[in-house]
Every structure is written in structure tokens, then in C-alpha cells.
Amino acid sequence: MKVTAIIPDNLVQETIELSQASSVTEALKIALVSYIRSQKIKKLGSNILNEPLEFKYSAQELRDLNRK
């Protein structure tokens, strides 16, 4: 998809440097993927806080099962 966006030069330059990308397009792809991943992790964390994980076995029971 082609996109035209007005982004400050210093922001683009810093993104290129931090991502070690060879082009503006590559740097923006890396930045967007990173942003999407962080938002998914944040959402997952929120879901776990609202509905905590429940474990079926205790730590000792798992050790015992693994030793069989």
C-alpha cells in the first residue's frame, strides 16, 4: 500500500538509526511491527489481569508427572 504521510525528519532519522534499517520504508515497517506487537502484549496482559490463568496441577505434581 502506498501512503503519503508528513513525518518530522528527526523522527524518521532516529527510527532508521535505532532500527538499523537501510531505507525509510524498512525502518517504518520495523517500527510498525514493533508497535503492533507491543500493543498485542499489552492487551494480553490486560486480559490476564481481568481473567487470571488457572493451573490444574501444583508444581510438585508437575515434577512428579515429568519424572514418569
C-alpha atoms as a PDB file:
ATOM      1  CA  MET A   1       0.000   0.000   0.000  1.00  0.00           C
ATOM      2  CA  LYS A   2       1.337   3.410  -0.848  1.00  0.00           C
ATOM      3  CA  VAL A   3       0.933   6.047   1.835  1.00  0.00           C
ATOM      4  CA  THR A   4       1.805   9.706   1.899  1.00  0.00           C
ATOM      5  CA  ALA A   5       2.475  10.998   5.385  1.00  0.00           C
ATOM      6  CA  ILE A   6       4.104  14.076   6.828  1.00  0.00           C
ATOM      7  CA  ILE A   7       6.546  12.856   9.484  1.00  0.00           C
ATOM      8  CA  PRO A   8       9.209  15.038  11.104  1.00  0.00           C
ATOM      9  CA  ASP A   9      12.682  14.373   9.650  1.00  0.00           C
ATOM     10  CA  ASN A  10      14.257  13.873  13.069  1.00  0.00           C
ATOM     11  CA  LEU A  11      11.702  11.172  13.929  1.00  0.00           C
ATOM     12  CA  VAL A  12      12.349   9.308  10.684  1.00  0.00           C
ATOM     13  CA  GLN A  13      16.131   9.623  11.096  1.00  0.00           C
ATOM     14  CA  GLU A  14      16.037   8.315  14.668  1.00  0.00           C
ATOM     15  CA  THR A  15      13.825   5.414  13.571  1.00  0.00           C
ATOM     16  CA  ILE A  16      16.307   4.499  10.840  1.00  0.00           C
ATOM     17  CA  GLU A  17      19.227   4.654  13.278  1.00  0.00           C
ATOM     18  CA  LEU A  18      17.554   2.645  16.037  1.00  0.00           C
ATOM     19  CA  SER A  19      16.189   0.004  13.696  1.00  0.00           C
ATOM     20  CA  GLN A  20      19.450  -0.165  11.720  1.00  0.00           C
ATOM     21  CA  ALA A  21      17.328  -0.197   8.578  1.00  0.00           C
ATOM     22  CA  SER A  22      18.771   0.531   5.152  1.00  0.00           C
ATOM     23  CA  SER A  23      15.782   2.577   3.984  1.00  0.00           C
ATOM     24  CA  VAL A  24      12.920   4.680   5.275  1.00  0.00           C
ATOM     25  CA  THR A  25      10.410   2.044   4.171  1.00  0.00           C
ATOM     26  CA  GLU A  26      12.232  -0.730   6.020  1.00  0.00           C
ATOM     27  CA  ALA A  27      12.549   1.429   9.145  1.00  0.00           C
ATOM     28  CA  LEU A  28       8.845   2.248   9.153  1.00  0.00           C
ATOM     29  CA  LYS A  29       7.935  -1.425   8.650  1.00  0.00           C
ATOM     30  CA  ILE A  30      10.114  -2.378  11.625  1.00  0.00           C
ATOM     31  CA  ALA A  31       8.615   0.401  13.748  1.00  0.00           C
ATOM     32  CA  LEU A  32       5.047  -0.550  12.873  1.00  0.00           C
ATOM     33  CA  VAL A  33       5.603  -4.257  13.541  1.00  0.00           C
ATOM     34  CA  SER A  34       7.201  -3.392  16.877  1.00  0.00           C
ATOM     35  CA  TYR A  35       4.293  -1.113  17.818  1.00  0.00           C
ATOM     36  CA  ILE A  36       1.695  -3.732  16.873  1.00  0.00           C
ATOM     37  CA  ARG A  37       3.499  -6.407  18.914  1.00  0.00           C
ATOM     38  CA  SER A  38       3.727  -4.167  21.975  1.00  0.00           C
ATOM     39  CA  GLN A  39       0.019  -3.354  21.780  1.00  0.00           C
ATOM     40  CA  LYS A  40      -0.875  -7.052  21.483  1.00  0.00           C
ATOM     41  CA  ILE A  41       1.277  -7.838  24.536  1.00  0.00           C
ATOM     42  CA  LYS A  42      -0.362  -5.002  26.456  1.00  0.00           C
ATOM     43  CA  LYS A  43      -3.823  -6.327  25.524  1.00  0.00           C
ATOM     44  CA  LEU A  44      -2.853  -9.873  26.511  1.00  0.00           C
ATOM     45  CA  GLY A  45      -1.574  -8.621  29.872  1.00  0.00           C
ATOM     46  CA  SER A  46      -4.826  -6.776  30.434  1.00  0.00           C
ATOM     47  CA  ASN A  47      -6.820  -9.900  29.569  1.00  0.00           C
ATOM     48  CA  ILE A  48      -4.779 -11.951  32.053  1.00  0.00           C
ATOM     49  CA  LEU A  49      -5.356  -9.362  34.786  1.00  0.00           C
ATOM     50  CA  ASN A  50      -9.102  -9.487  34.157  1.00  0.00           C
ATOM     51  CA  GLU A  51      -9.219 -13.271  33.909  1.00  0.00           C
ATOM     52  CA  PRO A  52      -6.176 -14.849  35.624  1.00  0.00           C
ATOM     53  CA  LEU A  53      -4.734 -18.142  34.445  1.00  0.00           C
ATOM     54  CA  GLU A  54      -5.690 -21.192  36.453  1.00  0.00           C
ATOM     55  CA  PHE A  55      -3.303 -24.109  36.798  1.00  0.00           C
ATOM     56  CA  LYS A  56      -4.595 -27.638  37.035  1.00  0.00           C
ATOM     57  CA  TYR A  57      -1.509 -29.102  38.765  1.00  0.00           C
ATOM     58  CA  SER A  58       0.761 -27.917  41.553  1.00  0.00           C
ATOM     59  CA  ALA A  59       4.491 -27.519  40.924  1.00  0.00           C
ATOM     60  CA  GLN A  60       5.208 -30.784  42.744  1.00  0.00           C
ATOM     61  CA  GLU A  61       2.558 -32.658  40.752  1.00  0.00           C
ATOM     62  CA  LEU A  62       4.125 -31.422  37.517  1.00  0.00           C
ATOM     63  CA  ARG A  63       7.580 -32.530  38.671  1.00  0.00           C
ATOM     64  CA  ASP A  64       6.194 -35.948  39.502  1.00  0.00           C
ATOM     65  CA  LEU A  65       4.481 -36.215  36.107  1.00  0.00           C
ATOM     66  CA  ASN A  66       7.674 -35.219  34.303  1.00  0.00           C
ATOM     67  CA  ARG A  67       9.708 -37.861  36.114  1.00  0.00           C
ATOM     68  CA  LYS A  68       7.434 -40.702  34.952  1.00  0.00           C
END
